């Protein structure tokens, strides 16, 4: 089980706006902002829920090649809301909300590309 994940982005303010908007429908908020002085290097933003950050982005060099990160949604409506919010925040479509039966019969996911081209997904594993 992972405790947290983090990676660099090319434009921290732009990515901050994207992730704040895209993750809000999933109940994930910006919880921490660390300055370069606090972190000993680059600025970092920690997103999470229930007071615990588990998704971090940082200034500096963007990660290349791109990666895939997936967030759990408690229902299909949250997946839909994530997708709409991510597109409205400048994300690019990489797979509209829908069943991905090749994973399993109840796999309902949506995929967007963030400002650096990372594949960001929200998924619900529950039946309707």
N, C-alpha and C. Protein backbone atom coordinates (compact mmCIF):
# COMPACT_ATOMS: atom_id res chain seq x y z
N UNK A 1 0.85 -1.18 0.00
CA UNK A 1 0.00 0.00 0.00
C UNK A 1 0.88 1.23 0.00
N UNK A 2 0.58 2.16 -0.86
CA UNK A 2 1.32 3.41 -0.93
C UNK A 2 0.82 4.38 0.13
N UNK A 3 1.73 5.15 0.69
CA UNK A 3 1.36 6.22 1.62
C UNK A 3 1.13 7.53 0.87
N UNK A 4 2.01 7.82 -0.09
CA UNK A 4 1.84 9.01 -0.91
C UNK A 4 2.69 8.88 -2.17
N UNK A 5 2.40 9.77 -3.11
CA UNK A 5 3.14 9.83 -4.37
C UNK A 5 3.35 11.30 -4.70
N UNK A 6 4.45 11.60 -5.36
CA UNK A 6 4.72 12.97 -5.76
C UNK A 6 5.59 13.01 -7.00
N UNK A 7 5.47 14.10 -7.76
CA UNK A 7 6.29 14.27 -8.94
C UNK A 7 6.35 15.75 -9.30
N UNK A 8 7.37 16.11 -10.08
CA UNK A 8 7.55 17.47 -10.52
C UNK A 8 6.64 17.82 -11.69
N UNK A 9 6.28 19.09 -11.77
CA UNK A 9 5.48 19.61 -12.88
C UNK A 9 6.20 20.81 -13.48
N UNK A 10 5.89 21.13 -14.72
CA UNK A 10 6.60 22.21 -15.41
C UNK A 10 6.14 23.59 -14.99
N UNK A 11 4.89 23.73 -14.56
CA UNK A 11 4.33 25.03 -14.19
C UNK A 11 3.44 24.80 -12.97
N UNK A 12 3.99 25.03 -11.78
CA UNK A 12 3.27 24.71 -10.54
C UNK A 12 1.95 25.48 -10.41
N UNK A 13 1.89 26.79 -10.67
CA UNK A 13 0.60 27.48 -10.56
C UNK A 13 -0.46 26.90 -11.51
N UNK A 14 -0.07 26.60 -12.73
CA UNK A 14 -1.03 26.03 -13.70
C UNK A 14 -1.51 24.65 -13.23
N UNK A 15 -0.58 23.81 -12.77
CA UNK A 15 -0.95 22.48 -12.29
C UNK A 15 -1.76 22.56 -11.00
N UNK A 16 -1.45 23.53 -10.16
CA UNK A 16 -2.22 23.74 -8.94
C UNK A 16 -3.70 23.96 -9.30
N UNK A 17 -3.95 24.89 -10.23
CA UNK A 17 -5.33 25.16 -10.64
C UNK A 17 -6.01 23.94 -11.21
N UNK A 18 -5.28 23.21 -12.06
CA UNK A 18 -5.86 22.01 -12.65
C UNK A 18 -6.25 21.00 -11.58
N UNK A 19 -5.31 20.65 -10.71
CA UNK A 19 -5.59 19.62 -9.71
C UNK A 19 -6.60 20.06 -8.66
N UNK A 20 -6.59 21.33 -8.28
CA UNK A 20 -7.60 21.79 -7.33
C UNK A 20 -9.00 21.60 -7.92
N UNK A 21 -9.17 21.94 -9.18
CA UNK A 21 -10.49 21.81 -9.82
C UNK A 21 -10.84 20.34 -10.09
N UNK A 22 -9.89 19.59 -10.64
CA UNK A 22 -10.18 18.21 -11.04
C UNK A 22 -10.42 17.29 -9.86
N UNK A 23 -9.71 17.51 -8.75
CA UNK A 23 -9.82 16.60 -7.62
C UNK A 23 -10.93 16.99 -6.63
N UNK A 24 -11.42 18.21 -6.71
CA UNK A 24 -12.48 18.66 -5.80
C UNK A 24 -13.72 17.75 -5.82
N UNK A 25 -14.21 17.32 -6.99
CA UNK A 25 -15.37 16.43 -6.99
C UNK A 25 -15.13 15.09 -6.28
N UNK A 26 -13.87 14.73 -6.11
CA UNK A 26 -13.53 13.47 -5.43
C UNK A 26 -13.31 13.68 -3.94
N UNK A 27 -13.52 14.91 -3.46
CA UNK A 27 -13.30 15.22 -2.05
C UNK A 27 -11.84 15.36 -1.67
N UNK A 28 -11.00 15.64 -2.67
CA UNK A 28 -9.56 15.80 -2.45
C UNK A 28 -9.23 17.28 -2.56
N UNK A 29 -8.63 17.83 -1.51
CA UNK A 29 -8.34 19.25 -1.43
C UNK A 29 -6.84 19.51 -1.30
N UNK A 30 -6.45 20.73 -1.60
CA UNK A 30 -5.08 21.17 -1.34
C UNK A 30 -4.94 21.38 0.16
N UNK A 31 -4.05 20.61 0.79
CA UNK A 31 -3.89 20.65 2.24
C UNK A 31 -2.61 21.33 2.69
N UNK A 32 -1.55 21.23 1.90
CA UNK A 32 -0.25 21.77 2.29
C UNK A 32 0.42 22.48 1.13
N UNK A 33 1.09 23.58 1.47
CA UNK A 33 1.93 24.31 0.53
C UNK A 33 3.29 24.48 1.19
N UNK A 34 4.31 23.86 0.63
CA UNK A 34 5.65 23.97 1.17
C UNK A 34 6.50 24.85 0.26
N UNK A 35 7.18 25.81 0.85
CA UNK A 35 8.07 26.68 0.10
C UNK A 35 9.38 25.95 -0.15
N UNK A 36 10.19 26.45 -1.08
CA UNK A 36 11.52 25.85 -1.28
C UNK A 36 12.35 25.84 0.01
N UNK A 37 12.20 26.89 0.82
CA UNK A 37 12.94 26.96 2.07
C UNK A 37 12.50 25.86 3.04
N UNK A 38 11.22 25.58 3.08
CA UNK A 38 10.71 24.53 3.98
C UNK A 38 11.11 23.14 3.52
N UNK A 39 11.14 22.93 2.20
CA UNK A 39 11.42 21.59 1.68
C UNK A 39 12.90 21.34 1.44
N UNK A 40 13.68 22.41 1.45
CA UNK A 40 15.10 22.25 1.16
C UNK A 40 15.40 22.14 -0.32
N UNK A 41 14.49 22.60 -1.15
CA UNK A 41 14.72 22.51 -2.60
C UNK A 41 13.65 23.21 -3.39
N UNK A 42 12.61 22.50 -3.75
CA UNK A 42 11.55 23.02 -4.60
C UNK A 42 10.28 23.27 -3.78
N UNK A 43 9.34 24.05 -4.35
CA UNK A 43 8.03 24.23 -3.75
C UNK A 43 7.20 22.97 -4.00
N UNK A 44 6.35 22.62 -3.04
CA UNK A 44 5.52 21.42 -3.16
C UNK A 44 4.10 21.72 -2.68
N UNK A 45 3.13 21.08 -3.31
CA UNK A 45 1.73 21.17 -2.92
C UNK A 45 1.24 19.78 -2.59
N UNK A 46 0.61 19.62 -1.43
CA UNK A 46 0.10 18.33 -1.00
C UNK A 46 -1.42 18.29 -1.01
N UNK A 47 -1.97 17.39 -1.79
CA UNK A 47 -3.42 17.21 -1.89
C UNK A 47 -3.82 15.95 -1.14
N UNK A 48 -5.01 15.96 -0.55
CA UNK A 48 -5.49 14.77 0.14
C UNK A 48 -6.86 15.00 0.74
N UNK A 49 -7.17 14.18 1.72
CA UNK A 49 -8.47 14.26 2.39
C UNK A 49 -8.29 13.86 3.85
N UNK A 50 -9.27 14.24 4.66
CA UNK A 50 -9.26 13.92 6.09
C UNK A 50 -7.95 14.37 6.75
N UNK A 51 -7.40 15.50 6.29
CA UNK A 51 -6.21 16.07 6.87
C UNK A 51 -4.90 15.39 6.49
N UNK A 52 -4.96 14.43 5.58
CA UNK A 52 -3.76 13.68 5.22
C UNK A 52 -3.44 13.85 3.73
N UNK A 53 -2.29 14.48 3.42
CA UNK A 53 -1.89 14.61 2.01
C UNK A 53 -1.28 13.31 1.51
N UNK A 54 -1.71 12.89 0.34
CA UNK A 54 -1.16 11.66 -0.26
C UNK A 54 -0.81 11.83 -1.73
N UNK A 55 -1.08 13.01 -2.27
CA UNK A 55 -0.74 13.29 -3.67
C UNK A 55 -0.03 14.64 -3.69
N UNK A 56 1.23 14.62 -4.13
CA UNK A 56 2.07 15.82 -4.12
C UNK A 56 2.56 16.15 -5.52
N UNK A 57 2.58 17.46 -5.81
CA UNK A 57 3.23 17.94 -7.02
C UNK A 57 4.25 19.00 -6.59
N UNK A 58 5.31 19.15 -7.39
CA UNK A 58 6.34 20.10 -7.02
C UNK A 58 6.88 20.87 -8.20
N UNK A 59 7.46 22.02 -7.91
CA UNK A 59 8.08 22.84 -8.95
C UNK A 59 9.38 22.18 -9.39
N UNK A 60 9.94 22.72 -10.42
CA UNK A 60 11.18 22.16 -10.92
C UNK A 60 10.96 21.49 -12.25
N UNK A 61 11.62 20.39 -12.45
CA UNK A 61 11.52 19.68 -13.72
C UNK A 61 10.29 18.78 -13.76
N UNK A 62 9.57 18.87 -14.86
CA UNK A 62 8.43 17.98 -15.05
C UNK A 62 8.94 16.56 -15.25
N UNK A 63 8.20 15.62 -14.75
CA UNK A 63 8.53 14.22 -14.91
C UNK A 63 8.36 13.81 -16.37
N UNK A 64 9.33 13.13 -16.91
CA UNK A 64 9.24 12.65 -18.28
C UNK A 64 9.85 11.25 -18.32
N UNK A 65 9.26 10.30 -18.96
CA UNK A 65 7.97 10.41 -19.66
C UNK A 65 6.82 10.56 -18.67
N UNK A 66 5.63 10.73 -19.21
CA UNK A 66 4.46 10.93 -18.38
C UNK A 66 4.12 9.68 -17.57
N UNK A 67 3.29 9.87 -16.56
CA UNK A 67 2.88 8.74 -15.73
C UNK A 67 1.36 8.64 -15.70
N UNK A 68 0.89 7.60 -15.06
CA UNK A 68 -0.54 7.38 -14.87
C UNK A 68 -0.81 7.36 -13.37
N UNK A 69 -1.81 8.12 -12.94
CA UNK A 69 -2.24 8.11 -11.54
C UNK A 69 -3.76 8.01 -11.53
N UNK A 70 -4.28 7.21 -10.61
CA UNK A 70 -5.71 6.97 -10.55
C UNK A 70 -6.23 7.23 -9.15
N UNK A 71 -7.34 7.93 -9.06
CA UNK A 71 -7.98 8.25 -7.79
C UNK A 71 -9.30 7.49 -7.67
N UNK A 72 -9.59 7.00 -6.49
CA UNK A 72 -10.81 6.25 -6.22
C UNK A 72 -11.99 7.20 -6.06
N UNK A 73 -13.08 6.89 -6.71
CA UNK A 73 -14.33 7.61 -6.55
C UNK A 73 -15.33 6.69 -5.85
N UNK A 74 -16.15 7.26 -5.00
CA UNK A 74 -17.09 6.43 -4.25
C UNK A 74 -18.32 6.04 -5.05
N UNK A 75 -18.56 6.75 -6.16
CA UNK A 75 -19.66 6.35 -7.04
C UNK A 75 -19.39 6.87 -8.45
N UNK A 76 -20.20 6.44 -9.36
CA UNK A 76 -20.00 6.80 -10.77
C UNK A 76 -20.23 8.28 -11.03
N UNK A 77 -21.14 8.89 -10.27
CA UNK A 77 -21.38 10.32 -10.43
C UNK A 77 -20.12 11.12 -10.11
N UNK A 78 -19.33 10.66 -9.16
CA UNK A 78 -18.07 11.34 -8.84
C UNK A 78 -17.08 11.23 -9.99
N UNK A 79 -17.06 10.09 -10.66
CA UNK A 79 -16.20 9.92 -11.84
C UNK A 79 -16.61 10.93 -12.91
N UNK A 80 -17.90 11.02 -13.16
CA UNK A 80 -18.41 11.97 -14.15
C UNK A 80 -18.04 13.40 -13.79
N UNK A 81 -18.21 13.76 -12.51
CA UNK A 81 -17.91 15.12 -12.05
C UNK A 81 -16.42 15.42 -12.16
N UNK A 82 -15.58 14.45 -11.83
CA UNK A 82 -14.13 14.60 -11.99
C UNK A 82 -13.80 14.92 -13.45
N UNK A 83 -14.35 14.15 -14.36
CA UNK A 83 -14.08 14.30 -15.78
C UNK A 83 -14.47 15.71 -16.27
N UNK A 84 -15.68 16.14 -15.92
CA UNK A 84 -16.15 17.46 -16.34
C UNK A 84 -15.26 18.57 -15.75
N UNK A 85 -14.94 18.45 -14.46
CA UNK A 85 -14.12 19.47 -13.80
C UNK A 85 -12.71 19.51 -14.39
N UNK A 86 -12.15 18.35 -14.67
CA UNK A 86 -10.79 18.29 -15.22
C UNK A 86 -10.74 18.92 -16.61
N UNK A 87 -11.74 18.66 -17.44
CA UNK A 87 -11.78 19.27 -18.77
C UNK A 87 -11.97 20.77 -18.67
N UNK A 88 -12.84 21.21 -17.76
CA UNK A 88 -13.08 22.64 -17.58
C UNK A 88 -11.83 23.35 -17.07
N UNK A 89 -10.96 22.63 -16.36
CA UNK A 89 -9.73 23.20 -15.82
C UNK A 89 -8.56 23.12 -16.79
N UNK A 90 -8.82 22.71 -18.02
CA UNK A 90 -7.76 22.67 -19.03
C UNK A 90 -7.21 21.30 -19.34
N UNK A 91 -7.75 20.27 -18.70
CA UNK A 91 -7.33 18.90 -19.03
C UNK A 91 -7.79 18.51 -20.42
N UNK A 92 -7.14 17.51 -20.98
CA UNK A 92 -7.53 17.01 -22.30
C UNK A 92 -8.11 15.62 -22.18
N UNK A 93 -9.15 15.36 -22.92
CA UNK A 93 -9.81 14.05 -22.89
C UNK A 93 -8.83 12.94 -23.23
N UNK A 94 -8.88 11.88 -22.44
CA UNK A 94 -8.10 10.68 -22.74
C UNK A 94 -8.94 9.43 -22.51
N UNK A 95 -10.25 9.60 -22.47
CA UNK A 95 -11.18 8.50 -22.27
C UNK A 95 -12.36 8.93 -21.43
N UNK A 96 -13.49 9.16 -22.08
CA UNK A 96 -14.70 9.62 -21.40
C UNK A 96 -15.17 8.60 -20.36
N UNK A 97 -15.97 9.04 -19.38
CA UNK A 97 -16.48 8.12 -18.37
C UNK A 97 -17.23 6.96 -19.01
N UNK A 98 -16.97 5.78 -18.48
CA UNK A 98 -17.66 4.60 -18.97
C UNK A 98 -17.09 3.33 -18.38
N UNK A 99 -17.80 2.25 -18.68
CA UNK A 99 -17.37 0.91 -18.22
C UNK A 99 -16.16 0.48 -19.03
N UNK A 100 -15.19 -0.07 -18.33
CA UNK A 100 -14.02 -0.68 -18.96
C UNK A 100 -14.05 -2.16 -18.60
N UNK A 101 -14.92 -2.90 -19.29
CA UNK A 101 -15.17 -4.31 -18.96
C UNK A 101 -13.94 -5.19 -19.11
N UNK A 102 -12.95 -4.74 -19.88
CA UNK A 102 -11.74 -5.54 -20.02
C UNK A 102 -10.97 -5.60 -18.70
N UNK A 103 -11.23 -4.66 -17.78
CA UNK A 103 -10.62 -4.74 -16.44
C UNK A 103 -11.48 -5.60 -15.52
N UNK A 104 -12.76 -5.26 -15.43
CA UNK A 104 -13.78 -6.09 -14.76
C UNK A 104 -15.15 -5.47 -15.04
N UNK A 105 -16.23 -6.21 -14.85
CA UNK A 105 -17.55 -5.74 -15.29
C UNK A 105 -18.03 -4.43 -14.67
N UNK A 106 -17.53 -4.07 -13.47
CA UNK A 106 -17.98 -2.84 -12.82
C UNK A 106 -16.97 -1.71 -12.86
N UNK A 107 -15.90 -1.85 -13.63
CA UNK A 107 -14.85 -0.84 -13.68
C UNK A 107 -15.37 0.36 -14.46
N UNK A 108 -15.69 1.44 -13.74
CA UNK A 108 -16.21 2.66 -14.36
C UNK A 108 -15.16 3.75 -14.17
N UNK A 109 -14.53 4.16 -15.26
CA UNK A 109 -13.44 5.12 -15.15
C UNK A 109 -13.51 6.21 -16.19
N UNK A 110 -12.76 7.28 -15.92
CA UNK A 110 -12.60 8.39 -16.86
C UNK A 110 -11.15 8.82 -16.81
N UNK A 111 -10.63 9.24 -17.95
CA UNK A 111 -9.21 9.58 -18.10
C UNK A 111 -9.05 10.96 -18.72
N UNK A 112 -8.15 11.75 -18.16
CA UNK A 112 -7.80 13.06 -18.72
C UNK A 112 -6.28 13.21 -18.67
N UNK A 113 -5.77 14.05 -19.54
CA UNK A 113 -4.35 14.39 -19.51
C UNK A 113 -4.20 15.74 -18.82
N UNK A 114 -3.31 15.79 -17.83
CA UNK A 114 -3.07 17.04 -17.10
C UNK A 114 -2.21 17.98 -17.95
N UNK A 115 -1.87 19.18 -17.45
CA UNK A 115 -1.10 20.12 -18.26
C UNK A 115 0.25 19.60 -18.75
N UNK A 116 0.84 18.62 -18.06
CA UNK A 116 2.11 18.05 -18.49
C UNK A 116 1.95 16.75 -19.27
N UNK A 117 0.71 16.35 -19.54
CA UNK A 117 0.46 15.13 -20.31
C UNK A 117 0.36 13.86 -19.48
N UNK A 118 0.32 13.99 -18.14
CA UNK A 118 0.14 12.81 -17.29
C UNK A 118 -1.31 12.33 -17.41
N UNK A 119 -1.47 11.02 -17.44
CA UNK A 119 -2.79 10.40 -17.56
C UNK A 119 -3.40 10.30 -16.16
N UNK A 120 -4.43 11.09 -15.91
CA UNK A 120 -5.08 11.14 -14.60
C UNK A 120 -6.46 10.50 -14.73
N UNK A 121 -6.74 9.59 -13.83
CA UNK A 121 -7.97 8.79 -13.91
C UNK A 121 -8.73 8.87 -12.59
N UNK A 122 -10.04 8.76 -12.69
CA UNK A 122 -10.89 8.51 -11.53
C UNK A 122 -11.65 7.23 -11.84
N UNK A 123 -11.80 6.36 -10.83
CA UNK A 123 -12.46 5.08 -11.05
C UNK A 123 -13.37 4.73 -9.88
N UNK A 124 -14.47 4.10 -10.22
CA UNK A 124 -15.38 3.50 -9.25
C UNK A 124 -15.49 2.02 -9.61
N UNK A 125 -15.30 1.16 -8.63
CA UNK A 125 -15.34 -0.28 -8.85
C UNK A 125 -16.69 -0.91 -8.48
N UNK A 126 -17.61 -0.10 -8.02
CA UNK A 126 -18.89 -0.61 -7.53
C UNK A 126 -19.92 -0.70 -8.67
N UNK A 127 -20.87 -1.62 -8.56
CA UNK A 127 -21.96 -1.64 -9.54
C UNK A 127 -22.80 -0.38 -9.39
N UNK A 128 -23.58 -0.09 -10.41
CA UNK A 128 -24.39 1.13 -10.39
C UNK A 128 -25.04 1.30 -9.08
